[in-house]
Amino acid sequence: VVWCINSTRHEPRRRHRRRLHARCPGSAAKSTSAADAYSSTRTPPLLPAPNPPTTTPTAPPPIPTGPRNLVLIGGRGCGKSSVCRLLRAADKRFTLLNLDEMIARKAGTSIPEIVQRKGWVYFRELEFQVCREVAGQAVCDGEWLLIDAGGGVVVDLDEEGNEMYSTRKVDALKRAGLGAVVYLKRDVAYLVNRTTGDTNRPELSDQSSFLEIMERRELWYAAAADYVLDASGGNIESTVKKKRDIVSEVLGYFYQQTRESPPPLAVSRIRKGKKKEAAPAPANN
């Protein structure tokens, strides 16, 4: 009897709840959409970080700590070309460039022909272009260049055709500190003896003698040089500093500036030069 009474007592409430759900058919849908909105606002779980690359990044090339190019200057007939060949033989890391040969190739004819047909003003302009090309090659290719410069590389001409110091050509060869300029100094009388009668060298001036021109240029060579190698002392070959001693001195200076280690052949040349300098002079009886 009790069970029947209780079931009868609660039956109206169940029917009342069913009627509420019937009157509000969207209540269940609302609760479902709210749950979906909550789930969509949740932050997704973090994914594990990818593994770091196994390859080591390539280090940039080292920045040069000193000059990378060696430039030899000096008066016509001072022996630059032969000294440069000996330097190249002592250290194969040098790439030898002769500016006069480059000018002749660029013009398609010899230097005397260039001067005869178009004059010194044109030649000096062509020489400046070659200096810039050499400097650009040194910077871009990273080569270790040995530059055999012509005797007039420190010279330009003013509007009246007079010689003046060429800042533009010297600056091009020294570009950004990459060029070390060595002046091979000789007595002017020695240069005169070496060049007299040489038909492969055009006349420098119709108004000034070779002696006057070389005396004027001496100051310009010294102004352009980072190092002056004094090979004077006479006007004939037997009385001046020997070329092997010049090579030894030039190499010693260049390795000191670049902080490079010389090869064995260059070391032997430097040692021979130092021993000769340290040897006592013979006594005059």
Protein backbone atom coordinates (compact mmCIF):
# COMPACT_ATOMS: atom_id res chain seq x y z
CA VAL A 1 0.00 0.00 0.00
CA VAL A 2 2.84 2.40 0.82
CA TRP A 3 4.54 1.92 -2.49
CA CYS A 4 1.38 2.77 -4.37
CA ILE A 5 0.84 5.92 -2.37
CA ASN A 6 4.38 7.20 -2.94
CA SER A 7 4.31 6.50 -6.62
CA THR A 8 1.04 8.27 -6.90
CA ARG A 9 2.39 11.24 -4.92
CA HIS A 10 5.41 11.83 -7.18
CA GLU A 11 3.74 11.22 -10.50
CA PRO A 12 2.49 14.81 -10.97
CA ARG A 13 6.04 16.21 -10.57
CA ARG A 14 7.44 13.97 -13.32
CA ARG A 15 4.62 15.01 -15.61
CA HIS A 16 5.36 18.67 -14.76
CA ARG A 17 9.02 18.32 -15.77
CA ARG A 18 8.02 16.72 -19.04
CA ARG A 19 5.68 19.62 -19.73
CA LEU A 20 8.50 22.14 -19.08
CA HIS A 21 10.76 20.38 -21.57
CA ALA A 22 7.96 20.31 -24.07
CA ARG A 23 7.42 24.09 -23.70
CA CYS A 24 11.24 24.84 -24.02
CA PRO A 25 12.42 22.57 -26.81
CA GLY A 26 15.67 24.65 -27.38
CA SER A 27 17.01 24.26 -23.85
CA ALA A 28 18.96 21.08 -24.65
CA ALA A 29 20.40 22.59 -27.83
CA LYS A 30 21.51 25.67 -25.89
CA SER A 31 23.42 23.62 -23.38
CA THR A 32 25.11 21.67 -26.18
CA SER A 33 26.17 24.82 -28.06
CA ALA A 34 27.57 26.35 -24.88
CA ALA A 35 29.72 23.29 -24.34
CA ASP A 36 30.98 23.52 -27.88
CA ALA A 37 31.84 27.21 -27.43
CA TYR A 38 33.77 26.43 -24.27
CA SER A 39 35.71 23.69 -25.93
CA SER A 40 36.56 25.95 -28.92
CA THR A 41 38.04 28.65 -26.64
CA ARG A 42 40.42 26.27 -24.92
CA THR A 43 44.12 26.66 -25.88
CA PRO A 44 45.33 23.66 -27.87
CA PRO A 45 48.17 21.74 -26.28
CA LEU A 46 51.71 22.88 -27.18
CA LEU A 47 53.55 20.72 -29.69
CA PRO A 48 57.08 19.62 -28.86
CA ALA A 49 59.83 21.89 -30.26
CA PRO A 50 61.53 20.60 -33.42
CA ASN A 51 64.96 19.15 -33.04
CA PRO A 52 67.80 21.69 -33.56
CA PRO A 53 69.73 21.43 -36.85
CA THR A 54 72.55 18.96 -36.72
CA THR A 55 74.80 20.92 -39.16
CA THR A 56 77.18 23.54 -37.75
CA PRO A 57 76.87 26.98 -39.44
CA THR A 58 79.84 27.93 -41.59
CA ALA A 59 82.12 30.53 -39.99
CA PRO A 60 82.75 33.72 -42.02
CA PRO A 61 86.17 34.01 -43.65
CA PRO A 62 88.82 35.71 -41.50
CA ILE A 63 89.29 39.44 -42.03
CA PRO A 64 92.80 40.33 -43.26
CA THR A 65 94.85 41.96 -40.52
CA GLY A 66 97.21 43.76 -42.88
CA PRO A 67 97.94 44.51 -46.53
CA ARG A 68 97.27 41.74 -49.01
CA ASN A 69 99.09 43.25 -51.98
CA LEU A 70 102.68 44.32 -52.48
CA VAL A 71 103.32 47.22 -54.86
CA LEU A 72 106.83 48.03 -56.08
CA ILE A 73 107.47 51.58 -57.34
CA GLY A 74 110.58 53.44 -58.40
CA GLY A 75 112.25 55.34 -61.21
CA ARG A 76 112.56 53.98 -64.70
CA GLY A 77 115.40 51.44 -64.80
CA CYS A 78 115.61 50.84 -61.03
CA GLY A 79 115.12 47.06 -61.45
CA LYS A 80 111.49 46.66 -60.29
CA SER A 81 110.61 43.98 -62.83
CA SER A 82 113.58 41.72 -62.08
CA VAL A 83 113.07 42.11 -58.32
CA CYS A 84 109.38 41.22 -58.71
CA ARG A 85 110.29 38.04 -60.59
CA LEU A 86 112.64 37.04 -57.78
CA LEU A 87 109.94 37.78 -55.19
CA ARG A 88 107.47 35.60 -57.10
CA ALA A 89 110.03 32.79 -57.23
CA ALA A 90 110.63 33.03 -53.47
CA ASP A 91 106.93 32.88 -52.55
CA LYS A 92 104.44 31.20 -54.89
CA ARG A 93 101.51 32.84 -53.10
CA PHE A 94 102.16 35.99 -55.10
CA THR A 95 100.31 36.59 -58.37
CA LEU A 96 102.56 38.88 -60.41
CA LEU A 97 100.96 41.70 -62.39
CA ASN A 98 102.91 44.14 -64.55
CA LEU A 99 100.98 47.40 -65.04
CA ASP A 100 102.78 48.39 -68.25
CA GLU A 101 101.97 45.01 -69.83
CA MET A 102 98.33 45.37 -68.77
CA ILE A 103 98.17 48.84 -70.35
CA ALA A 104 99.64 47.53 -73.60
CA ARG A 105 97.10 44.68 -73.72
CA LYS A 106 94.24 47.06 -72.98
CA ALA A 107 95.29 49.42 -75.77
CA GLY A 108 96.21 46.66 -78.19
CA THR A 109 99.61 48.16 -78.93
CA SER A 110 102.97 48.97 -77.33
CA ILE A 111 103.51 51.82 -74.89
CA PRO A 112 105.74 53.84 -77.28
CA GLU A 113 102.97 53.57 -79.90
CA ILE A 114 100.33 54.72 -77.40
CA VAL A 115 102.36 57.80 -76.47
CA GLN A 116 103.27 58.59 -80.08
CA ARG A 117 99.69 58.37 -81.36
CA LYS A 118 97.64 59.73 -78.45
CA GLY A 119 100.09 61.46 -76.09
CA TRP A 120 100.97 61.23 -72.41
CA VAL A 121 97.62 62.57 -71.18
CA TYR A 122 95.80 59.63 -72.74
CA PHE A 123 98.41 57.18 -71.43
CA ARG A 124 98.13 58.47 -67.85
CA GLU A 125 94.35 58.14 -67.98
CA LEU A 126 94.70 54.58 -69.25
CA GLU A 127 97.19 53.90 -66.46
CA PHE A 128 94.67 55.12 -63.88
CA GLN A 129 92.00 52.78 -65.26
CA VAL A 130 94.39 49.82 -64.95
CA CYS A 131 95.25 50.79 -61.36
CA ARG A 132 91.56 50.74 -60.47
CA GLU A 133 91.08 47.37 -62.18
CA VAL A 134 94.00 45.89 -60.24
CA ALA A 135 92.65 47.23 -56.94
CA GLY A 136 89.18 45.89 -57.70
CA GLN A 137 90.58 42.47 -58.54
CA ALA A 138 92.49 42.43 -55.26
CA VAL A 139 89.38 43.28 -53.26
CA CYS A 140 86.90 40.98 -55.03
CA ASP A 141 89.03 37.91 -55.63
CA GLY A 142 90.98 38.09 -52.40
CA GLU A 143 94.25 37.41 -54.18
CA TRP A 144 97.69 38.12 -52.83
CA LEU A 145 99.03 40.34 -55.60
CA LEU A 146 102.54 41.46 -56.44
CA ILE A 147 102.21 44.61 -58.56
CA ASP A 148 105.09 45.80 -60.73
CA ALA A 149 104.16 49.46 -61.24
CA GLY A 150 105.53 51.66 -63.98
CA GLY A 151 107.89 54.51 -63.26
CA GLY A 152 105.16 57.10 -63.83
CA VAL A 153 102.52 55.56 -61.60
CA VAL A 154 102.94 58.48 -59.17
CA VAL A 155 102.50 61.04 -61.96
CA ASP A 156 99.54 62.86 -63.51
CA LEU A 157 99.47 65.87 -65.82
CA ASP A 158 97.85 69.23 -65.14
CA GLU A 159 95.95 71.32 -67.71
CA GLU A 160 99.19 72.70 -69.10
CA GLY A 161 100.77 69.26 -69.46
CA ASN A 162 103.14 69.60 -66.49
CA GLU A 163 103.76 66.64 -64.21
CA MET A 164 102.16 66.58 -60.77
CA TYR A 165 101.73 64.03 -57.99
CA SER A 166 98.97 61.50 -58.77
CA THR A 167 96.89 61.06 -55.63
CA ARG A 168 94.20 59.10 -57.47
CA LYS A 169 96.53 56.35 -58.75
CA VAL A 170 98.36 55.97 -55.46
CA ASP A 171 95.06 55.79 -53.55
CA ALA A 172 93.75 53.18 -55.98
CA LEU A 173 96.77 50.94 -55.39
CA LYS A 174 96.50 51.38 -51.62
CA ARG A 175 92.73 50.84 -51.62
CA ALA A 176 91.34 50.29 -48.10
CA GLY A 177 94.81 49.53 -46.77
CA LEU A 178 95.15 46.41 -48.92
CA GLY A 179 98.27 47.60 -50.74
CA ALA A 180 101.72 48.04 -49.20
CA VAL A 181 103.85 50.29 -51.42
CA VAL A 182 107.64 49.81 -51.41
CA TYR A 183 109.86 52.42 -53.08
CA LEU A 184 113.03 50.95 -54.61
CA LYS A 185 115.33 53.96 -54.35
CA ARG A 186 118.31 54.29 -56.68
CA ASP A 187 120.74 57.08 -57.47
CA VAL A 188 119.54 59.11 -60.43
CA ALA A 189 122.89 58.58 -62.16
CA TYR A 190 122.31 54.83 -61.93
CA LEU A 191 118.90 55.21 -63.61
CA VAL A 192 120.43 57.31 -66.39
CA ASN A 193 123.04 54.64 -67.11
CA ARG A 194 120.40 51.91 -67.15
CA THR A 195 117.97 53.64 -69.53
CA THR A 196 120.20 55.49 -71.99
CA GLY A 197 119.62 54.19 -75.52
CA ASP A 198 116.60 52.03 -74.60
CA THR A 199 114.21 52.35 -77.56
CA ASN A 200 111.43 50.48 -75.73
CA ARG A 201 110.97 53.44 -73.39
CA PRO A 202 109.37 56.60 -74.86
CA GLU A 203 110.80 60.03 -74.15
CA LEU A 204 109.20 61.49 -71.03
CA SER A 205 109.40 65.13 -72.03
CA ASP A 206 110.55 67.41 -74.83
CA GLN A 207 111.37 70.21 -72.40
CA SER A 208 112.99 68.52 -69.37
CA SER A 209 115.87 66.08 -69.27
CA PHE A 210 115.52 62.59 -67.79
CA LEU A 211 117.80 63.66 -64.95
CA GLU A 212 115.55 66.61 -64.07
CA ILE A 213 112.40 64.48 -64.23
CA MET A 214 113.83 61.76 -61.94
CA GLU A 215 115.05 64.29 -59.41
CA ARG A 216 111.57 65.81 -59.27
CA ARG A 217 109.85 62.42 -58.99
CA GLU A 218 112.03 61.26 -56.10
CA LEU A 219 109.91 63.25 -53.65
CA TRP A 220 106.70 61.76 -55.08
CA TYR A 221 107.98 58.20 -54.81
CA ALA A 222 108.86 58.80 -51.16
CA ALA A 223 105.47 60.39 -50.49
CA ALA A 224 103.62 57.41 -51.97
CA ALA A 225 105.72 54.75 -50.24
CA ASP A 226 104.91 52.89 -47.04
CA TYR A 227 108.50 51.67 -46.98
CA VAL A 228 111.59 53.15 -48.65
CA LEU A 229 114.22 50.56 -49.58
CA ASP A 230 117.46 52.44 -50.06
CA ALA A 231 119.37 50.67 -52.84
CA SER A 232 121.48 53.69 -53.74
CA GLY A 233 125.21 54.00 -53.31
CA GLY A 234 126.54 54.27 -56.82
CA ASN A 235 125.81 54.60 -60.50
CA ILE A 236 126.93 51.13 -61.68
CA GLU A 237 125.64 47.65 -60.85
CA SER A 238 128.74 46.48 -58.97
CA THR A 239 128.53 49.26 -56.37
CA VAL A 240 124.84 49.09 -55.39
CA LYS A 241 122.83 46.74 -53.20
CA LYS A 242 122.42 43.32 -54.79
CA LYS A 243 119.01 42.18 -55.93
CA ARG A 244 119.00 39.14 -53.64
CA ASP A 245 119.53 41.49 -50.68
CA ILE A 246 116.72 43.72 -51.94
CA VAL A 247 114.41 40.70 -52.17
CA SER A 248 115.32 39.67 -48.63
CA GLU A 249 114.54 43.12 -47.26
CA VAL A 250 111.25 43.44 -49.14
CA LEU A 251 110.04 40.02 -47.99
CA GLY A 252 111.00 40.73 -44.39
CA TYR A 253 109.00 43.95 -44.42
CA PHE A 254 105.96 42.41 -46.12
CA TYR A 255 105.72 39.40 -43.80
CA GLN A 256 106.01 41.69 -40.81
CA GLN A 257 103.11 43.81 -42.05
CA THR A 258 100.85 40.90 -43.03
CA ARG A 259 101.78 38.64 -40.09
CA GLU A 260 102.15 35.82 -42.59
CA SER A 261 104.57 32.93 -42.24
CA PRO A 262 107.15 32.86 -45.05
CA PRO A 263 107.81 29.63 -46.98
CA PRO A 264 111.18 27.87 -46.51
CA LEU A 265 112.74 29.41 -49.63
CA ALA A 266 111.80 32.92 -48.51
CA VAL A 267 113.16 32.20 -45.01
CA SER A 268 116.52 31.20 -46.46
CA ARG A 269 116.65 34.37 -48.57
CA ILE A 270 115.83 36.55 -45.56
CA ARG A 271 118.50 34.85 -43.42
CA LYS A 272 121.15 35.27 -46.10
CA GLY A 273 120.32 38.96 -46.37
CA LYS A 274 120.55 39.46 -42.59
CA LYS A 275 123.89 37.62 -42.38
CA LYS A 276 125.33 39.85 -45.07
CA GLU A 277 124.14 43.00 -43.28
CA ALA A 278 125.68 41.79 -40.02
CA ALA A 279 129.05 40.92 -41.58
CA PRO A 280 131.79 43.46 -40.76
CA ALA A 281 133.08 45.62 -43.59
CA PRO A 282 136.61 44.82 -44.82
CA ALA A 283 139.33 47.08 -43.46
CA ASN A 284 141.05 49.47 -45.83
CA ASN A 285 144.80 48.89 -45.78
